[in-house]
Amino acid sequence: MPKGYWIGRVDVHNEDGYKPYATANLPIFKKFGGRYVVRGGQFTGVEGQSRSRNVVIEFPDFETAMACYRSPEYQANIEVRQPHSIADLIIIEGYDGPQP
């Protein structure tokens, strides 16, 4: 079964206000078996528009990734994040087919 992923791109305009959101995510993601694959780090935007931060979180499957997003804990945490950042987030199913 393919993994599920959150792919987020974020611009933070208030670091102090954003920190409680980032801290509160850790137990939420752990509850749903999520793990960071990418969390910040150096990047180069080679095509299109980018934001200042990037994150990829892996979940056991797509349904679990969706359940985490829809959970009351995460929905409450979105309200903590929104005044301090602008975010683009997609939830996507991984590819589990043949490789080159």
N, C-alpha and C. Protein backbone atom coordinates (compact mmCIF):
# COMPACT_ATOMS: atom_id res chain seq x y z
N MET A 1 0.84 -1.19 0.00
CA MET A 1 0.00 0.00 0.00
C MET A 1 0.88 1.24 0.00
N PRO A 2 0.62 2.19 -0.88
CA PRO A 2 1.44 3.41 -0.93
C PRO A 2 1.32 4.25 0.34
N LYS A 3 2.37 4.92 0.66
CA LYS A 3 2.38 5.86 1.79
C LYS A 3 1.53 7.08 1.43
N GLY A 4 1.20 7.85 2.44
CA GLY A 4 0.54 9.14 2.25
C GLY A 4 1.49 10.24 2.67
N TYR A 5 1.42 11.38 2.01
CA TYR A 5 2.34 12.48 2.29
C TYR A 5 1.61 13.81 2.41
N TRP A 6 2.08 14.62 3.33
CA TRP A 6 1.73 16.03 3.34
C TRP A 6 2.91 16.74 2.71
N ILE A 7 2.63 17.62 1.77
CA ILE A 7 3.67 18.47 1.20
C ILE A 7 3.25 19.91 1.48
N GLY A 8 4.04 20.58 2.28
CA GLY A 8 3.70 21.94 2.68
C GLY A 8 4.79 22.92 2.29
N ARG A 9 4.34 24.11 1.93
CA ARG A 9 5.25 25.23 1.65
C ARG A 9 4.73 26.40 2.48
N VAL A 10 5.61 27.04 3.23
CA VAL A 10 5.17 28.02 4.23
C VAL A 10 6.05 29.26 4.20
N ASP A 11 5.41 30.41 4.33
CA ASP A 11 6.09 31.67 4.63
C ASP A 11 5.66 32.09 6.02
N VAL A 12 6.60 32.20 6.93
CA VAL A 12 6.32 32.61 8.31
C VAL A 12 6.67 34.08 8.45
N HIS A 13 5.72 34.87 8.95
CA HIS A 13 6.01 36.29 9.16
C HIS A 13 6.05 36.67 10.65
N ASN A 14 5.87 35.69 11.54
CA ASN A 14 6.02 35.93 12.97
C ASN A 14 6.54 34.64 13.60
N GLU A 15 7.85 34.55 13.75
CA GLU A 15 8.50 33.33 14.28
C GLU A 15 7.99 32.97 15.67
N ASP A 16 7.89 33.96 16.57
CA ASP A 16 7.46 33.67 17.93
C ASP A 16 6.03 33.13 17.98
N GLY A 17 5.17 33.64 17.13
CA GLY A 17 3.80 33.16 17.08
C GLY A 17 3.67 31.80 16.43
N TYR A 18 4.59 31.47 15.53
CA TYR A 18 4.55 30.21 14.79
C TYR A 18 5.08 29.03 15.61
N LYS A 19 6.01 29.29 16.52
CA LYS A 19 6.66 28.22 17.28
C LYS A 19 5.68 27.31 18.03
N PRO A 20 4.64 27.84 18.69
CA PRO A 20 3.70 26.94 19.37
C PRO A 20 3.00 25.96 18.41
N TYR A 21 2.74 26.40 17.19
CA TYR A 21 2.15 25.51 16.18
C TYR A 21 3.10 24.36 15.87
N ALA A 22 4.36 24.69 15.59
CA ALA A 22 5.35 23.67 15.24
C ALA A 22 5.54 22.68 16.38
N THR A 23 5.59 23.17 17.60
CA THR A 23 5.77 22.30 18.77
C THR A 23 4.56 21.38 18.97
N ALA A 24 3.37 21.91 18.80
CA ALA A 24 2.15 21.12 19.01
C ALA A 24 1.99 20.04 17.94
N ASN A 25 2.61 20.22 16.78
CA ASN A 25 2.50 19.22 15.72
C ASN A 25 3.15 17.89 16.08
N LEU A 26 4.20 17.91 16.86
CA LEU A 26 4.96 16.69 17.13
C LEU A 26 4.09 15.56 17.69
N PRO A 27 3.33 15.77 18.77
CA PRO A 27 2.49 14.66 19.26
C PRO A 27 1.33 14.32 18.32
N ILE A 28 0.85 15.29 17.57
CA ILE A 28 -0.23 15.02 16.62
C ILE A 28 0.28 14.07 15.54
N PHE A 29 1.42 14.41 14.94
CA PHE A 29 1.96 13.57 13.88
C PHE A 29 2.33 12.18 14.41
N LYS A 30 2.88 12.13 15.61
CA LYS A 30 3.25 10.85 16.20
C LYS A 30 2.02 9.95 16.38
N LYS A 31 0.92 10.53 16.80
CA LYS A 31 -0.33 9.78 17.00
C LYS A 31 -0.77 9.08 15.71
N PHE A 32 -0.50 9.72 14.57
CA PHE A 32 -0.93 9.17 13.28
C PHE A 32 0.21 8.48 12.51
N GLY A 33 1.31 8.26 13.19
CA GLY A 33 2.43 7.55 12.55
C GLY A 33 3.18 8.40 11.53
N GLY A 34 3.07 9.72 11.66
CA GLY A 34 3.75 10.62 10.74
C GLY A 34 5.22 10.79 11.10
N ARG A 35 6.03 11.03 10.07
CA ARG A 35 7.44 11.31 10.30
C ARG A 35 7.90 12.32 9.26
N TYR A 36 8.77 13.22 9.70
CA TYR A 36 9.32 14.22 8.79
C TYR A 36 10.29 13.56 7.82
N VAL A 37 10.10 13.84 6.55
CA VAL A 37 11.04 13.45 5.50
C VAL A 37 11.86 14.68 5.12
N VAL A 38 11.18 15.81 5.06
CA VAL A 38 11.82 17.12 4.82
C VAL A 38 11.24 18.08 5.84
N ARG A 39 12.11 18.83 6.50
CA ARG A 39 11.65 19.85 7.45
C ARG A 39 12.62 21.01 7.35
N GLY A 40 12.27 21.99 6.52
CA GLY A 40 13.17 23.11 6.30
C GLY A 40 14.32 22.65 5.43
N GLY A 41 15.48 23.10 5.73
CA GLY A 41 16.66 22.70 4.97
C GLY A 41 16.91 23.57 3.76
N GLN A 42 18.09 23.46 3.27
CA GLN A 42 18.51 24.24 2.11
C GLN A 42 17.74 23.79 0.88
N PHE A 43 17.33 24.76 0.05
CA PHE A 43 16.67 24.41 -1.20
C PHE A 43 16.94 25.49 -2.23
N THR A 44 16.74 25.14 -3.47
CA THR A 44 16.82 26.07 -4.58
C THR A 44 15.56 25.91 -5.40
N GLY A 45 14.79 26.97 -5.53
CA GLY A 45 13.61 26.94 -6.38
C GLY A 45 14.05 27.08 -7.83
N VAL A 46 13.90 26.02 -8.60
CA VAL A 46 14.38 26.04 -9.98
C VAL A 46 13.27 26.33 -10.99
N GLU A 47 12.02 26.15 -10.62
CA GLU A 47 10.90 26.48 -11.50
C GLU A 47 9.71 26.90 -10.66
N GLY A 48 8.93 27.82 -11.16
CA GLY A 48 7.72 28.25 -10.47
C GLY A 48 8.01 29.07 -9.24
N GLN A 49 6.96 29.27 -8.44
CA GLN A 49 7.09 30.05 -7.22
C GLN A 49 7.36 29.13 -6.04
N SER A 50 8.06 29.65 -5.06
CA SER A 50 8.34 28.87 -3.86
C SER A 50 8.05 29.73 -2.64
N ARG A 51 8.06 29.09 -1.51
CA ARG A 51 7.93 29.78 -0.22
C ARG A 51 9.23 29.55 0.56
N SER A 52 9.36 30.21 1.68
CA SER A 52 10.64 30.18 2.39
C SER A 52 10.91 28.88 3.13
N ARG A 53 9.87 28.09 3.42
CA ARG A 53 10.04 26.82 4.12
C ARG A 53 9.29 25.72 3.39
N ASN A 54 9.85 24.52 3.45
CA ASN A 54 9.23 23.36 2.83
C ASN A 54 9.22 22.22 3.83
N VAL A 55 8.16 21.41 3.77
CA VAL A 55 8.06 20.26 4.66
C VAL A 55 7.38 19.12 3.92
N VAL A 56 7.87 17.92 4.14
CA VAL A 56 7.22 16.70 3.65
C VAL A 56 7.10 15.77 4.85
N ILE A 57 5.87 15.34 5.12
CA ILE A 57 5.60 14.44 6.23
C ILE A 57 5.02 13.16 5.66
N GLU A 58 5.61 12.03 6.02
CA GLU A 58 5.18 10.73 5.53
C GLU A 58 4.27 10.06 6.56
N PHE A 59 3.18 9.47 6.06
CA PHE A 59 2.24 8.72 6.89
C PHE A 59 2.13 7.30 6.35
N PRO A 60 1.62 6.37 7.15
CA PRO A 60 1.53 4.98 6.70
C PRO A 60 0.76 4.80 5.39
N ASP A 61 -0.26 5.66 5.17
CA ASP A 61 -1.05 5.58 3.94
C ASP A 61 -1.83 6.89 3.77
N PHE A 62 -2.47 7.03 2.63
CA PHE A 62 -3.20 8.26 2.31
C PHE A 62 -4.33 8.51 3.31
N GLU A 63 -5.07 7.47 3.67
CA GLU A 63 -6.20 7.63 4.58
C GLU A 63 -5.73 8.15 5.94
N THR A 64 -4.60 7.67 6.42
CA THR A 64 -4.08 8.13 7.70
C THR A 64 -3.61 9.59 7.60
N ALA A 65 -3.02 9.95 6.47
CA ALA A 65 -2.61 11.35 6.26
C ALA A 65 -3.83 12.27 6.30
N MET A 66 -4.93 11.83 5.68
CA MET A 66 -6.16 12.63 5.70
C MET A 66 -6.75 12.67 7.11
N ALA A 67 -6.73 11.55 7.81
CA ALA A 67 -7.27 11.50 9.17
C ALA A 67 -6.51 12.44 10.09
N CYS A 68 -5.21 12.52 9.93
CA CYS A 68 -4.42 13.44 10.75
C CYS A 68 -4.85 14.87 10.48
N TYR A 69 -4.97 15.23 9.20
CA TYR A 69 -5.37 16.59 8.86
C TYR A 69 -6.75 16.92 9.42
N ARG A 70 -7.66 15.99 9.35
CA ARG A 70 -9.04 16.24 9.79
C ARG A 70 -9.23 16.10 11.30
N SER A 71 -8.19 15.64 12.01
CA SER A 71 -8.32 15.41 13.45
C SER A 71 -8.62 16.71 14.19
N PRO A 72 -9.37 16.62 15.28
CA PRO A 72 -9.65 17.83 16.06
C PRO A 72 -8.38 18.53 16.54
N GLU A 73 -7.36 17.73 16.87
CA GLU A 73 -6.11 18.32 17.36
C GLU A 73 -5.45 19.19 16.28
N TYR A 74 -5.37 18.65 15.06
CA TYR A 74 -4.71 19.43 14.02
C TYR A 74 -5.58 20.60 13.58
N GLN A 75 -6.88 20.41 13.49
CA GLN A 75 -7.75 21.51 13.11
C GLN A 75 -7.63 22.67 14.09
N ALA A 76 -7.51 22.38 15.38
CA ALA A 76 -7.30 23.44 16.37
C ALA A 76 -5.95 24.10 16.17
N ASN A 77 -4.95 23.31 15.80
CA ASN A 77 -3.59 23.85 15.63
C ASN A 77 -3.50 24.74 14.39
N ILE A 78 -4.31 24.49 13.39
CA ILE A 78 -4.33 25.37 12.21
C ILE A 78 -4.62 26.81 12.64
N GLU A 79 -5.53 26.96 13.58
CA GLU A 79 -5.89 28.30 14.05
C GLU A 79 -4.72 29.00 14.75
N VAL A 80 -3.82 28.21 15.32
CA VAL A 80 -2.61 28.78 15.94
C VAL A 80 -1.66 29.28 14.85
N ARG A 81 -1.57 28.53 13.76
CA ARG A 81 -0.64 28.86 12.67
C ARG A 81 -1.09 30.05 11.83
N GLN A 82 -2.35 30.11 11.50
CA GLN A 82 -2.82 31.04 10.48
C GLN A 82 -2.48 32.51 10.70
N PRO A 83 -2.54 33.04 11.90
CA PRO A 83 -2.21 34.47 12.04
C PRO A 83 -0.72 34.78 11.82
N HIS A 84 0.12 33.74 11.79
CA HIS A 84 1.56 33.95 11.77
C HIS A 84 2.25 33.47 10.49
N SER A 85 1.47 32.94 9.55
CA SER A 85 2.09 32.39 8.35
C SER A 85 1.08 32.26 7.22
N ILE A 86 1.62 32.02 6.04
CA ILE A 86 0.83 31.67 4.87
C ILE A 86 1.33 30.30 4.43
N ALA A 87 0.41 29.37 4.22
CA ALA A 87 0.84 28.01 3.90
C ALA A 87 0.05 27.45 2.71
N ASP A 88 0.73 26.65 1.93
CA ASP A 88 0.12 25.83 0.89
C ASP A 88 0.36 24.38 1.33
N LEU A 89 -0.67 23.57 1.34
CA LEU A 89 -0.54 22.19 1.79
C LEU A 89 -1.34 21.28 0.87
N ILE A 90 -0.70 20.22 0.42
CA ILE A 90 -1.43 19.17 -0.29
C ILE A 90 -1.20 17.86 0.44
N ILE A 91 -2.17 16.97 0.32
CA ILE A 91 -2.04 15.62 0.84
C ILE A 91 -2.13 14.72 -0.38
N ILE A 92 -1.13 13.86 -0.52
CA ILE A 92 -0.99 13.09 -1.75
C ILE A 92 -0.62 11.65 -1.45
N GLU A 93 -1.10 10.77 -2.29
CA GLU A 93 -0.74 9.35 -2.17
C GLU A 93 0.61 9.13 -2.85
N GLY A 94 1.47 8.37 -2.20
CA GLY A 94 2.77 8.04 -2.78
C GLY A 94 2.64 7.09 -3.95
N TYR A 95 3.70 6.93 -4.67
CA TYR A 95 3.76 6.04 -5.82
C TYR A 95 4.40 4.73 -5.39
N ASP A 96 3.73 3.64 -5.71
CA ASP A 96 4.21 2.33 -5.28
C ASP A 96 4.35 1.37 -6.47
N GLY A 97 4.55 1.95 -7.67
CA GLY A 97 4.64 1.14 -8.88
C GLY A 97 6.07 0.92 -9.33
N PRO A 98 6.20 0.45 -10.56
CA PRO A 98 7.54 0.18 -11.11
C PRO A 98 8.40 1.45 -11.17
N GLN A 99 9.68 1.25 -11.00
CA GLN A 99 10.64 2.35 -11.05
C GLN A 99 11.54 2.17 -12.28
N PRO A 100 12.15 3.28 -12.72
CA PRO A 100 13.04 3.16 -13.88
C PRO A 100 14.25 2.28 -13.60
